[in-house]
Structures are given as C-alpha cells and as structure tokens.
Amino acid sequence: MTDDAYLFLADDIPGPGRPGTPVSVAGELECLQTPAVRAWLDAHRTDAASPALRVVPPEETGMIPEGAERLPVPLTAEELDGVRRAGATDQVAAVEQELLSYRDSEEGRDALLHRALAAGVPAHRIVELSGVDPTVLPTTPHS
C-alpha cells in the first residue's frame, strides 16, 4: 500500500472544472468495497458512479476544495498509478509513457526531461517513472 489518497465530494463545483479525477474513470478501486467507504458514500447519499465523487493521489490533496467532504483511502501502487493516469492531461500522459520507456535507454534523456517538466509533470513523478537521479533534473523546463 502507498500513502493515502482521498475521495471527496465536489457537489458545489460545476462540470468539467471540478478538481480531481472522477472515481468512475479511475478504474476499479478495492477501497470502494470496504464497509468504511460504503458507509461514507451512504451517509452522503451518493455512489461510485456519481460525477461529484472524485479521487486525488496523495501529492495532490491540496487541490481538494476547502470544506469538501473527504475520506482518506489506501490504494495499491497499481490503483494509484491508474488514478494518476486517469487524471493526467493527454500531453502529460504521453510524456509519462515516454518516461516509463526511458528506463531502458539514455538516448535523448535531457530533451525528454525538459519536455516532461514543460508539460507539467512534477519532478517526483519524473524520478519515479524514469528512474533518474533527482539531481540530474534540469532546474527550469524548456518549451
């Protein structure tokens, strides 16, 4: 298990501007079957299919709106990766896939690291995906 992610309700935030990832697109999450999560959902008269039910990985808990109903949930590494991929923009997702592929090659490393930073991939995520030493990351992204 990893650090806790959070489920939260974004009822008061309209449409596509809602922070976090809809649970319905994050993939199967084991925590949704636990008595604690089911009781929390029941208490808030919602279910996993609700577009207001969102999930964020541990590093993005700061995006949960103040006052939103929230619940910490443990996710497996695979589930957490799925949540991150589901919440990534197409550009970030494409660069993250390149970073995963990079593990087996050093060709074009600097350009890839710059592109990842410019796309908005957090430094800790670049290190996690590519396996590079954090000290080799450029200090500023190039477009």
C-alpha atoms as a PDB file:
ATOM      1  CA  MET A   1       0.000   0.000   0.000  1.00  0.00           C
ATOM      2  CA  THR A   2       1.012   3.582  -0.541  1.00  0.00           C
ATOM      3  CA  ASP A   3       0.243   6.832   1.261  1.00  0.00           C
ATOM      4  CA  ASP A   4      -3.431   7.652   1.440  1.00  0.00           C
ATOM      5  CA  ALA A   5      -5.243   9.082  -1.497  1.00  0.00           C
ATOM      6  CA  TYR A   6      -8.506  10.909  -0.862  1.00  0.00           C
ATOM      7  CA  LEU A   7     -12.050  10.504  -2.019  1.00  0.00           C
ATOM      8  CA  PHE A   8     -14.003  13.733  -1.872  1.00  0.00           C
ATOM      9  CA  LEU A   9     -17.294  15.195  -2.976  1.00  0.00           C
ATOM     10  CA  ALA A  10     -17.244  18.128  -5.368  1.00  0.00           C
ATOM     11  CA  ASP A  11     -21.014  18.748  -5.372  1.00  0.00           C
ATOM     12  CA  ASP A  12     -20.743  22.526  -5.344  1.00  0.00           C
ATOM     13  CA  ILE A  13     -18.293  22.765  -8.252  1.00  0.00           C
ATOM     14  CA  PRO A  14     -19.957  22.658 -11.675  1.00  0.00           C
ATOM     15  CA  GLY A  15     -18.978  20.423 -14.589  1.00  0.00           C
ATOM     16  CA  PRO A  16     -15.539  19.861 -16.064  1.00  0.00           C
ATOM     17  CA  GLY A  17     -13.795  22.413 -13.824  1.00  0.00           C
ATOM     18  CA  ARG A  18     -14.008  20.058 -10.866  1.00  0.00           C
ATOM     19  CA  PRO A  19     -10.659  19.158  -9.325  1.00  0.00           C
ATOM     20  CA  GLY A  20      -9.538  15.562  -9.015  1.00  0.00           C
ATOM     21  CA  THR A  21     -10.448  12.560 -11.121  1.00  0.00           C
ATOM     22  CA  PRO A  22     -13.957  11.105 -11.275  1.00  0.00           C
ATOM     23  CA  VAL A  23     -13.887   7.787  -9.436  1.00  0.00           C
ATOM     24  CA  SER A  24     -15.916   6.289 -12.276  1.00  0.00           C
ATOM     25  CA  VAL A  25     -12.970   6.742 -14.705  1.00  0.00           C
ATOM     26  CA  ALA A  26     -10.168   5.896 -12.263  1.00  0.00           C
ATOM     27  CA  GLY A  27     -10.656   2.155 -12.656  1.00  0.00           C
ATOM     28  CA  GLU A  28     -11.597  -0.472 -10.103  1.00  0.00           C
ATOM     29  CA  LEU A  29     -10.577   0.647  -6.618  1.00  0.00           C
ATOM     30  CA  GLU A  30     -10.652  -2.046  -3.924  1.00  0.00           C
ATOM     31  CA  CYS A  31     -11.389   0.548  -1.247  1.00  0.00           C
ATOM     32  CA  LEU A  32     -14.846   1.148  -2.752  1.00  0.00           C
ATOM     33  CA  GLN A  33     -15.875  -2.270  -1.470  1.00  0.00           C
ATOM     34  CA  THR A  34     -14.839  -1.670   2.130  1.00  0.00           C
ATOM     35  CA  PRO A  35     -17.503  -1.143   4.797  1.00  0.00           C
ATOM     36  CA  ALA A  36     -15.994   2.231   5.757  1.00  0.00           C
ATOM     37  CA  VAL A  37     -16.174   3.655   2.237  1.00  0.00           C
ATOM     38  CA  ARG A  38     -19.633   2.190   1.589  1.00  0.00           C
ATOM     39  CA  ALA A  39     -20.880   3.727   4.856  1.00  0.00           C
ATOM     40  CA  TRP A  40     -19.329   7.099   3.933  1.00  0.00           C
ATOM     41  CA  LEU A  41     -20.968   7.023   0.497  1.00  0.00           C
ATOM     42  CA  ASP A  42     -24.321   6.040   2.038  1.00  0.00           C
ATOM     43  CA  ALA A  43     -24.045   8.826   4.614  1.00  0.00           C
ATOM     44  CA  HIS A  44     -23.607  11.319   1.782  1.00  0.00           C
ATOM     45  CA  ARG A  45     -26.349   9.718  -0.336  1.00  0.00           C
ATOM     46  CA  THR A  46     -24.055   9.058  -3.275  1.00  0.00           C
ATOM     47  CA  ASP A  47     -22.320   6.168  -5.015  1.00  0.00           C
ATOM     48  CA  ALA A  48     -19.171   5.456  -7.009  1.00  0.00           C
ATOM     49  CA  ALA A  49     -20.877   6.394 -10.296  1.00  0.00           C
ATOM     50  CA  SER A  50     -21.601   9.965  -9.181  1.00  0.00           C
ATOM     51  CA  PRO A  51     -19.701  12.604 -11.192  1.00  0.00           C
ATOM     52  CA  ALA A  52     -19.284  14.553  -7.942  1.00  0.00           C
ATOM     53  CA  LEU A  53     -17.249  11.740  -6.339  1.00  0.00           C
ATOM     54  CA  ARG A  54     -13.578  12.453  -7.049  1.00  0.00           C
ATOM     55  CA  VAL A  55     -10.244  10.914  -6.101  1.00  0.00           C
ATOM     56  CA  VAL A  56      -6.797  12.503  -5.816  1.00  0.00           C
ATOM     57  CA  PRO A  57      -3.403  10.905  -5.247  1.00  0.00           C
ATOM     58  CA  PRO A  58      -1.532  11.842  -2.038  1.00  0.00           C
ATOM     59  CA  GLU A  59       0.597  14.524  -3.715  1.00  0.00           C
ATOM     60  CA  GLU A  60      -2.499  16.372  -4.976  1.00  0.00           C
ATOM     61  CA  THR A  61      -4.567  16.604  -1.793  1.00  0.00           C
ATOM     62  CA  GLY A  62      -4.041  20.374  -1.809  1.00  0.00           C
ATOM     63  CA  MET A  63      -6.472  20.623  -4.727  1.00  0.00           C
ATOM     64  CA  ILE A  64      -9.391  19.380  -2.607  1.00  0.00           C
ATOM     65  CA  PRO A  65     -11.691  22.352  -2.087  1.00  0.00           C
ATOM     66  CA  GLU A  66     -11.845  23.706   1.439  1.00  0.00           C
ATOM     67  CA  GLY A  67     -14.884  22.364   3.247  1.00  0.00           C
ATOM     68  CA  ALA A  68     -15.399  19.449   0.841  1.00  0.00           C
ATOM     69  CA  GLU A  69     -16.396  16.164   2.425  1.00  0.00           C
ATOM     70  CA  ARG A  70     -13.325  13.936   2.185  1.00  0.00           C
ATOM     71  CA  LEU A  71     -12.172  10.472   3.167  1.00  0.00           C
ATOM     72  CA  PRO A  72      -8.601   9.114   3.142  1.00  0.00           C
ATOM     73  CA  VAL A  73      -8.333   5.792   1.323  1.00  0.00           C
ATOM     74  CA  PRO A  74      -5.372   3.456   0.865  1.00  0.00           C
ATOM     75  CA  LEU A  75      -4.660   2.481  -2.736  1.00  0.00           C
ATOM     76  CA  THR A  76      -2.359  -0.185  -4.098  1.00  0.00           C
ATOM     77  CA  ALA A  77       0.532   1.015  -6.236  1.00  0.00           C
ATOM     78  CA  GLU A  78      -1.335  -0.141  -9.354  1.00  0.00           C
ATOM     79  CA  GLU A  79      -4.519   1.679  -8.337  1.00  0.00           C
ATOM     80  CA  LEU A  80      -2.567   4.835  -7.555  1.00  0.00           C
ATOM     81  CA  ASP A  81      -0.870   4.687 -10.949  1.00  0.00           C
ATOM     82  CA  GLY A  82      -4.293   4.300 -12.578  1.00  0.00           C
ATOM     83  CA  VAL A  83      -5.629   7.336 -10.697  1.00  0.00           C
ATOM     84  CA  ARG A  84      -2.648   9.392 -11.821  1.00  0.00           C
ATOM     85  CA  ARG A  85      -3.029   8.302 -15.453  1.00  0.00           C
ATOM     86  CA  ALA A  86      -6.778   8.955 -15.432  1.00  0.00           C
ATOM     87  CA  GLY A  87      -6.205  12.458 -14.075  1.00  0.00           C
ATOM     88  CA  ALA A  88      -3.385  13.375 -16.426  1.00  0.00           C
ATOM     89  CA  THR A  89      -3.903  15.532 -19.477  1.00  0.00           C
ATOM     90  CA  ASP A  90      -3.195  13.889 -22.817  1.00  0.00           C
ATOM     91  CA  GLN A  91       0.120  15.747 -23.034  1.00  0.00           C
ATOM     92  CA  VAL A  92       1.187  14.673 -19.536  1.00  0.00           C
ATOM     93  CA  ALA A  93       0.054  11.085 -20.135  1.00  0.00           C
ATOM     94  CA  ALA A  94       2.079  10.884 -23.350  1.00  0.00           C
ATOM     95  CA  VAL A  95       5.215  12.249 -21.676  1.00  0.00           C
ATOM     96  CA  GLU A  96       4.743   9.898 -18.699  1.00  0.00           C
ATOM     97  CA  GLN A  97       4.608   6.952 -21.099  1.00  0.00           C
ATOM     98  CA  GLU A  98       7.881   8.133 -22.655  1.00  0.00           C
ATOM     99  CA  LEU A  99       9.422   8.391 -19.185  1.00  0.00           C
ATOM    100  CA  LEU A 100       8.445   4.789 -18.467  1.00  0.00           C
ATOM    101  CA  SER A 101      10.032   3.731 -21.763  1.00  0.00           C
ATOM    102  CA  TYR A 102      13.156   5.751 -20.968  1.00  0.00           C
ATOM    103  CA  ARG A 103      14.135   3.385 -18.150  1.00  0.00           C
ATOM    104  CA  ASP A 104      15.745   1.139 -20.775  1.00  0.00           C
ATOM    105  CA  SER A 105      17.548   3.855 -22.742  1.00  0.00           C
ATOM    106  CA  GLU A 106      19.578   7.003 -22.197  1.00  0.00           C
ATOM    107  CA  GLU A 107      19.079   8.338 -25.723  1.00  0.00           C
ATOM    108  CA  GLY A 108      17.528  11.818 -25.697  1.00  0.00           C
ATOM    109  CA  ARG A 109      17.411  11.927 -21.905  1.00  0.00           C
ATOM    110  CA  ASP A 110      17.877  15.663 -21.455  1.00  0.00           C
ATOM    111  CA  ALA A 111      15.277  16.584 -24.073  1.00  0.00           C
ATOM    112  CA  LEU A 112      12.778  14.173 -22.539  1.00  0.00           C
ATOM    113  CA  LEU A 113      13.351  15.527 -19.036  1.00  0.00           C
ATOM    114  CA  HIS A 114      12.841  19.090 -20.286  1.00  0.00           C
ATOM    115  CA  ARG A 115       9.651  18.089 -22.140  1.00  0.00           C
ATOM    116  CA  ALA A 116       8.293  16.371 -19.050  1.00  0.00           C
ATOM    117  CA  LEU A 117       8.887  19.437 -16.883  1.00  0.00           C
ATOM    118  CA  ALA A 118       7.415  21.739 -19.545  1.00  0.00           C
ATOM    119  CA  ALA A 119       4.301  19.523 -19.769  1.00  0.00           C
ATOM    120  CA  GLY A 120       3.786  19.939 -16.037  1.00  0.00           C
ATOM    121  CA  VAL A 121       4.877  16.515 -14.812  1.00  0.00           C
ATOM    122  CA  PRO A 122       6.033  17.010 -11.198  1.00  0.00           C
ATOM    123  CA  ALA A 123       9.724  16.321 -10.549  1.00  0.00           C
ATOM    124  CA  HIS A 124       8.974  13.499  -8.094  1.00  0.00           C
ATOM    125  CA  ARG A 125       6.857  11.789 -10.755  1.00  0.00           C
ATOM    126  CA  ILE A 126       9.622  12.146 -13.386  1.00  0.00           C
ATOM    127  CA  VAL A 127      12.076  10.487 -11.000  1.00  0.00           C
ATOM    128  CA  GLU A 128       9.580   7.723 -10.205  1.00  0.00           C
ATOM    129  CA  LEU A 129       8.810   6.947 -13.849  1.00  0.00           C
ATOM    130  CA  SER A 130      12.241   7.347 -15.416  1.00  0.00           C
ATOM    131  CA  GLY A 131      14.453   6.147 -12.601  1.00  0.00           C
ATOM    132  CA  VAL A 132      16.815   9.127 -12.993  1.00  0.00           C
ATOM    133  CA  ASP A 133      18.620  10.598 -10.035  1.00  0.00           C
ATOM    134  CA  PRO A 134      16.737  13.736  -8.901  1.00  0.00           C
ATOM    135  CA  THR A 135      19.952  15.751  -9.071  1.00  0.00           C
ATOM    136  CA  VAL A 136      20.114  15.371 -12.892  1.00  0.00           C
ATOM    137  CA  LEU A 137      16.729  17.064 -13.443  1.00  0.00           C
ATOM    138  CA  PRO A 138      17.013  20.458 -15.146  1.00  0.00           C
ATOM    139  CA  THR A 139      16.139  23.352 -12.854  1.00  0.00           C
ATOM    140  CA  THR A 140      13.950  25.033 -15.457  1.00  0.00           C
ATOM    141  CA  PRO A 141      11.801  23.477 -18.176  1.00  0.00           C
ATOM    142  CA  HIS A 142      12.379  24.398 -21.815  1.00  0.00           C
ATOM    143  CA  SER A 143       9.409  24.615 -24.148  1.00  0.00           C
END
